[in-house]
């Protein structure tokens, strides 16, 4: 009998959810940076474990929202958790039971259906000694009775296989939702836009990464087997355009080169990537922009 179910990864920003998703799937489907709030929407990655198909939902980090975009992201995260068959709460071993983690624990009872299976994954275990891990596990299980607790390093892969095997036993019996060789439930246009946004986030500093978005405007399949991808980078202020372009266009060239190389590896064929930077002062309040990044505009209402 086959099994299949949704597994939501929740936690504070930068807890390692996207890294864990990519590790589970065995390929990069969710972007990863050192900056918080990188993931904006619910990204589904698909993994096979024995006879079970695990559909992972990498959610935006849970934090106190300030802007419409923040509110839409947090609503998407809780929505992903509520829809899942199993929820995995990720916390960072070296940060422990922070105020943010405790707030998430307080809201779990209100946001999740009664009886939902919730596991704890203590991530980045290489950053603290074993005795601290045991104490943190005891502290967290004192705050909530988790179905299971796992010590993992999403980046290095330690403990991830044990977690995946356990999850395969928890999801309900039923047919698989996706073909065996599918690893993500996202349009290629959106994956391509996210890859470019990752490169921008890694190169740019301070608030700018949160004031920009990337959209794939055109996708042309060429006769030689290659693909031409045209993307627009929307920034909120005129001054941000110069920062995104860089001196003599050096920043945008470097971003384009890095994104093109990653897309070429992901798609397995030649990629011609063209980037344009446009100023849209009100994009953070535009319904269409939210649809392009997979968020519901209404979820951002105060």
Protein backbone atom coordinates (compact mmCIF):
# COMPACT_ATOMS: atom_id res chain seq x y z
CA UNK A 1 0.00 0.00 0.00
CA UNK A 2 1.38 3.38 -1.00
CA UNK A 3 1.29 6.42 1.24
CA UNK A 4 1.20 10.11 0.45
CA UNK A 5 0.84 13.27 2.49
CA UNK A 6 1.73 16.91 3.00
CA UNK A 7 4.54 17.77 5.41
CA UNK A 8 4.80 21.42 6.48
CA UNK A 9 8.14 22.81 7.65
CA UNK A 10 7.58 25.75 10.00
CA UNK A 11 9.78 27.87 12.23
CA UNK A 12 11.38 31.25 12.65
CA UNK A 13 13.14 32.92 9.71
CA UNK A 14 16.54 31.32 8.97
CA UNK A 15 15.79 28.18 11.00
CA UNK A 16 16.90 26.10 8.00
CA UNK A 17 13.57 25.14 6.43
CA UNK A 18 14.64 25.70 2.82
CA UNK A 19 17.93 23.87 3.38
CA UNK A 20 16.05 20.92 4.88
CA UNK A 21 13.56 20.88 2.00
CA UNK A 22 16.35 20.78 -0.57
CA UNK A 23 18.11 18.03 1.39
CA UNK A 24 14.90 15.96 1.57
CA UNK A 25 14.20 16.34 -2.14
CA UNK A 26 17.79 15.82 -3.22
CA UNK A 27 17.76 18.91 -5.43
CA UNK A 28 17.54 22.65 -5.03
CA UNK A 29 13.91 23.71 -5.27
CA UNK A 30 13.85 26.43 -2.59
CA UNK A 31 16.30 29.31 -2.48
CA UNK A 32 18.68 29.64 0.45
CA UNK A 33 20.47 32.75 1.69
CA UNK A 34 21.88 33.98 4.98
CA UNK A 35 19.23 36.70 5.09
CA UNK A 36 15.96 36.20 6.96
CA UNK A 37 12.57 36.10 5.23
CA UNK A 38 14.04 34.79 1.97
CA UNK A 39 11.20 32.33 1.35
CA UNK A 40 8.04 34.25 0.50
CA UNK A 41 5.54 31.61 -0.56
CA UNK A 42 4.65 27.99 0.10
CA UNK A 43 7.03 25.91 -2.00
CA UNK A 44 6.25 22.25 -2.49
CA UNK A 45 9.12 19.82 -2.91
CA UNK A 46 8.46 16.14 -3.54
CA UNK A 47 10.48 13.23 -2.12
CA UNK A 48 10.07 9.45 -2.27
CA UNK A 49 10.81 7.30 0.77
CA UNK A 50 10.05 3.63 0.21
CA UNK A 51 6.38 3.36 -0.78
CA UNK A 52 5.61 6.85 0.51
CA UNK A 53 5.53 10.12 -1.40
CA UNK A 54 6.25 13.10 0.85
CA UNK A 55 5.08 16.48 -0.38
CA UNK A 56 7.03 19.05 1.60
CA UNK A 57 5.72 22.56 2.07
CA UNK A 58 8.54 25.02 2.74
CA UNK A 59 6.78 27.94 4.40
CA UNK A 60 7.87 31.54 4.98
CA UNK A 61 9.37 32.08 8.41
CA UNK A 62 6.96 32.95 11.21
CA UNK A 63 7.60 36.39 12.65
CA UNK A 64 5.71 39.53 13.68
CA UNK A 65 4.51 41.08 10.42
CA UNK A 66 4.75 44.81 9.75
CA UNK A 67 3.90 45.31 6.06
CA UNK A 68 1.28 43.85 3.74
CA UNK A 69 3.88 41.50 2.23
CA UNK A 70 4.89 40.34 5.72
CA UNK A 71 1.28 39.64 6.67
CA UNK A 72 0.65 37.69 3.46
CA UNK A 73 3.80 35.63 4.05
CA UNK A 74 2.86 34.75 7.63
CA UNK A 75 -0.70 33.88 6.57
CA UNK A 76 0.73 31.58 3.88
CA UNK A 77 2.94 29.89 6.46
CA UNK A 78 0.09 29.15 8.86
CA UNK A 79 -2.09 28.08 5.95
CA UNK A 80 0.55 25.60 4.83
CA UNK A 81 0.76 24.17 8.34
CA UNK A 82 -3.02 23.87 8.69
CA UNK A 83 -3.31 21.99 5.37
CA UNK A 84 -0.54 19.49 6.17
CA UNK A 85 -0.85 15.94 7.46
CA UNK A 86 2.32 16.33 9.52
CA UNK A 87 4.01 19.50 10.79
CA UNK A 88 7.73 19.74 11.57
CA UNK A 89 8.79 22.64 13.78
CA UNK A 90 12.43 23.58 13.15
CA UNK A 91 14.43 25.41 15.78
CA UNK A 92 18.11 26.35 15.84
CA UNK A 93 20.17 24.43 18.39
CA UNK A 94 22.37 27.40 19.32
CA UNK A 95 19.42 29.79 19.75
CA UNK A 96 17.13 27.40 21.60
CA UNK A 97 13.62 28.21 22.80
CA UNK A 98 13.61 31.87 21.78
CA UNK A 99 10.73 34.25 22.32
CA UNK A 100 9.76 33.70 18.68
CA UNK A 101 9.74 29.92 19.11
CA UNK A 102 7.55 30.24 22.21
CA UNK A 103 5.12 32.45 20.30
CA UNK A 104 4.88 29.79 17.57
CA UNK A 105 4.20 27.14 20.21
CA UNK A 106 1.44 29.31 21.71
CA UNK A 107 -0.24 29.67 18.31
CA UNK A 108 0.02 26.02 17.26
CA UNK A 109 -3.04 25.07 19.30
CA UNK A 110 -5.13 27.79 17.62
CA UNK A 111 -3.84 27.39 14.07
CA UNK A 112 -3.76 23.60 13.68
CA UNK A 113 -6.67 21.16 13.68
CA UNK A 114 -6.95 19.13 16.87
CA UNK A 115 -4.85 15.97 16.85
CA UNK A 116 -2.47 17.10 14.10
CA UNK A 117 0.89 15.34 14.32
CA UNK A 118 3.71 17.79 15.16
CA UNK A 119 7.37 16.78 15.34
CA UNK A 120 10.33 18.80 16.59
CA UNK A 121 13.54 19.05 14.60
CA UNK A 122 16.48 20.68 16.38
CA UNK A 123 18.66 21.92 13.53
CA UNK A 124 22.33 23.00 13.33
CA UNK A 125 23.32 20.48 16.00
CA UNK A 126 27.00 20.86 15.09
CA UNK A 127 26.97 24.29 16.76
CA UNK A 128 26.42 23.08 20.35
CA UNK A 129 27.68 20.25 22.61
CA UNK A 130 25.55 17.12 23.13
CA UNK A 131 24.54 17.96 26.71
CA UNK A 132 23.00 21.24 25.57
CA UNK A 133 21.03 19.40 22.89
CA UNK A 134 19.57 17.02 25.46
CA UNK A 135 18.65 19.91 27.75
CA UNK A 136 17.01 21.81 24.87
CA UNK A 137 15.06 18.71 23.84
CA UNK A 138 13.77 18.30 27.39
CA UNK A 139 12.87 21.99 27.62
CA UNK A 140 10.97 21.98 24.32
CA UNK A 141 9.08 18.78 25.12
CA UNK A 142 8.14 20.33 28.43
CA UNK A 143 6.51 23.18 26.52
CA UNK A 144 4.68 20.83 24.11
CA UNK A 145 4.26 17.08 23.83
CA UNK A 146 5.83 16.48 20.41
CA UNK A 147 5.11 13.25 18.54
CA UNK A 148 8.86 12.80 18.02
CA UNK A 149 12.09 14.81 18.36
CA UNK A 150 14.96 14.73 15.88
CA UNK A 151 18.49 16.12 16.08
CA UNK A 152 19.57 17.17 12.61
CA UNK A 153 21.94 19.20 10.51
CA UNK A 154 20.03 20.10 7.36
CA UNK A 155 23.18 21.54 5.80
CA UNK A 156 25.32 18.44 6.37
CA UNK A 157 22.54 15.86 6.22
CA UNK A 158 22.97 14.43 9.73
CA UNK A 159 19.74 12.89 11.04
CA UNK A 160 17.76 13.83 7.93
CA UNK A 161 17.28 10.23 6.75
CA UNK A 162 15.83 9.23 10.14
CA UNK A 163 13.39 12.12 9.94
CA UNK A 164 12.38 11.23 6.39
CA UNK A 165 11.79 7.56 7.29
CA UNK A 166 9.67 8.58 10.27
CA UNK A 167 7.62 10.97 8.14
CA UNK A 168 7.01 8.21 5.59
CA UNK A 169 5.35 6.18 8.35
CA UNK A 170 3.17 9.09 9.48
CA UNK A 171 1.53 10.16 6.21
CA UNK A 172 -1.79 8.47 5.37
CA UNK A 173 -2.27 5.55 3.03
CA UNK A 174 -3.31 6.58 -0.45
CA UNK A 175 -2.18 7.09 -4.05
CA UNK A 176 0.72 9.34 -4.93
CA UNK A 177 -0.21 12.84 -6.04
CA UNK A 178 2.68 13.36 -8.45
CA UNK A 179 4.72 11.35 -10.99
CA UNK A 180 7.72 9.57 -9.48
CA UNK A 181 10.27 11.79 -11.23
CA UNK A 182 8.68 15.15 -10.27
CA UNK A 183 10.58 17.04 -7.57
CA UNK A 184 8.61 20.28 -7.26
CA UNK A 185 5.09 21.64 -7.61
CA UNK A 186 6.03 25.06 -8.94
CA UNK A 187 5.90 26.42 -12.51
CA UNK A 188 9.35 26.59 -14.10
CA UNK A 189 8.81 30.33 -14.65
CA UNK A 190 8.50 30.84 -10.89
CA UNK A 191 11.48 28.60 -10.08
CA UNK A 192 13.56 30.61 -12.56
CA UNK A 193 12.46 33.91 -10.99
CA UNK A 194 13.28 32.60 -7.51
CA UNK A 195 16.78 31.56 -8.60
CA UNK A 196 17.48 35.07 -9.87
CA UNK A 197 16.05 36.60 -6.68
CA UNK A 198 18.39 34.40 -4.64
CA UNK A 199 21.44 35.73 -6.50
CA UNK A 200 20.25 39.30 -5.97
CA UNK A 201 19.65 38.69 -2.27
CA UNK A 202 23.13 37.24 -1.84
CA UNK A 203 24.79 40.25 -3.50
CA UNK A 204 22.71 43.11 -2.15
CA UNK A 205 22.61 44.42 1.40
CA UNK A 206 20.35 45.84 4.07
CA UNK A 207 16.69 46.45 3.14
CA UNK A 208 16.95 46.25 -0.65
CA UNK A 209 16.34 42.47 -0.98
CA UNK A 210 12.97 42.92 0.73
CA UNK A 211 12.04 45.84 -1.54
CA UNK A 212 12.46 43.92 -4.80
CA UNK A 213 10.76 41.09 -6.63
CA UNK A 214 11.57 39.13 -9.79
CA UNK A 215 9.10 38.00 -12.44
CA UNK A 216 9.60 35.87 -15.55
CA UNK A 217 7.98 37.85 -18.36
CA UNK A 218 8.74 35.55 -21.29
CA UNK A 219 9.86 31.93 -21.79
CA UNK A 220 10.81 30.97 -25.36
CA UNK A 221 11.67 27.40 -26.33
CA UNK A 222 14.19 27.53 -29.18
CA UNK A 223 14.65 25.06 -32.03
CA UNK A 224 18.21 24.22 -30.92
CA UNK A 225 16.87 22.94 -27.58
CA UNK A 226 17.91 26.01 -25.60
CA UNK A 227 15.54 28.39 -23.82
CA UNK A 228 15.39 32.18 -23.74
CA UNK A 229 14.15 33.61 -20.43
CA UNK A 230 13.28 37.28 -20.02
CA UNK A 231 12.89 38.52 -16.45
CA UNK A 232 12.09 41.88 -14.89
CA UNK A 233 13.38 42.95 -11.49
CA UNK A 234 10.98 45.37 -9.80
CA UNK A 235 12.43 47.74 -7.22
CA UNK A 236 10.47 50.15 -5.05
CA UNK A 237 12.65 53.27 -5.37
CA UNK A 238 14.63 55.03 -8.07
CA UNK A 239 17.79 54.86 -5.95
CA UNK A 240 17.45 51.08 -5.72
CA UNK A 241 17.71 50.71 -9.49
CA UNK A 242 21.28 51.98 -9.47
CA UNK A 243 22.18 49.63 -6.62
CA UNK A 244 20.69 46.64 -8.44
CA UNK A 245 22.54 47.54 -11.64
CA UNK A 246 25.83 48.32 -9.89
CA UNK A 247 28.74 50.40 -11.23
CA UNK A 248 28.77 50.07 -15.03
CA UNK A 249 26.17 47.33 -14.69
CA UNK A 250 28.58 45.00 -12.91
CA UNK A 251 26.10 43.79 -10.27
CA UNK A 252 23.33 42.85 -12.68
CA UNK A 253 25.85 41.14 -14.98
CA UNK A 254 27.20 39.03 -12.11
CA UNK A 255 23.67 38.18 -10.96
CA UNK A 256 22.67 37.20 -14.49
CA UNK A 257 25.74 35.01 -14.93
CA UNK A 258 25.21 33.18 -11.62
CA UNK A 259 21.47 32.70 -12.23
CA UNK A 260 22.06 31.52 -15.81
CA UNK A 261 24.59 28.91 -14.69
CA UNK A 262 22.23 27.56 -12.01
CA UNK A 263 19.28 27.48 -14.42
CA UNK A 264 21.40 25.67 -17.00
CA UNK A 265 22.30 22.99 -14.44
CA UNK A 266 18.70 22.73 -13.20
CA UNK A 267 17.12 22.49 -16.67
CA UNK A 268 19.94 20.45 -18.23
CA UNK A 269 20.21 22.66 -21.32
CA UNK A 270 21.53 25.97 -22.58
CA UNK A 271 19.86 29.07 -21.12
CA UNK A 272 19.81 32.60 -22.50
CA UNK A 273 18.81 34.88 -19.62
CA UNK A 274 17.97 38.57 -20.05
CA UNK A 275 17.35 40.80 -17.02
CA UNK A 276 15.73 44.24 -16.87
CA UNK A 277 15.39 46.46 -13.80
CA UNK A 278 12.27 48.58 -13.47
CA UNK A 279 11.11 51.00 -10.77
CA UNK A 280 7.58 50.39 -9.44
CA UNK A 281 7.16 52.45 -6.25
CA UNK A 282 3.91 50.74 -5.29
CA UNK A 283 4.62 47.11 -6.15
CA UNK A 284 4.28 46.09 -2.48
CA UNK A 285 0.61 47.12 -2.72
CA UNK A 286 -0.17 45.64 -6.16
CA UNK A 287 -2.43 42.58 -6.33
CA UNK A 288 -0.78 41.32 -9.54
CA UNK A 289 2.70 41.23 -8.00
CA UNK A 290 1.44 39.01 -5.16
CA UNK A 291 -0.09 36.57 -7.61
CA UNK A 292 3.22 36.30 -9.47
CA UNK A 293 5.06 35.22 -6.30
CA UNK A 294 2.33 32.83 -5.20
CA UNK A 295 0.77 34.88 -2.39
CA UNK A 296 -2.84 35.93 -1.84
CA UNK A 297 -3.10 39.72 -1.86
CA UNK A 298 -6.07 39.57 0.54
CA UNK A 299 -3.93 37.80 3.15
CA UNK A 300 -2.00 41.04 3.55
CA UNK A 301 -5.04 43.01 4.68
CA UNK A 302 -4.53 44.47 8.13
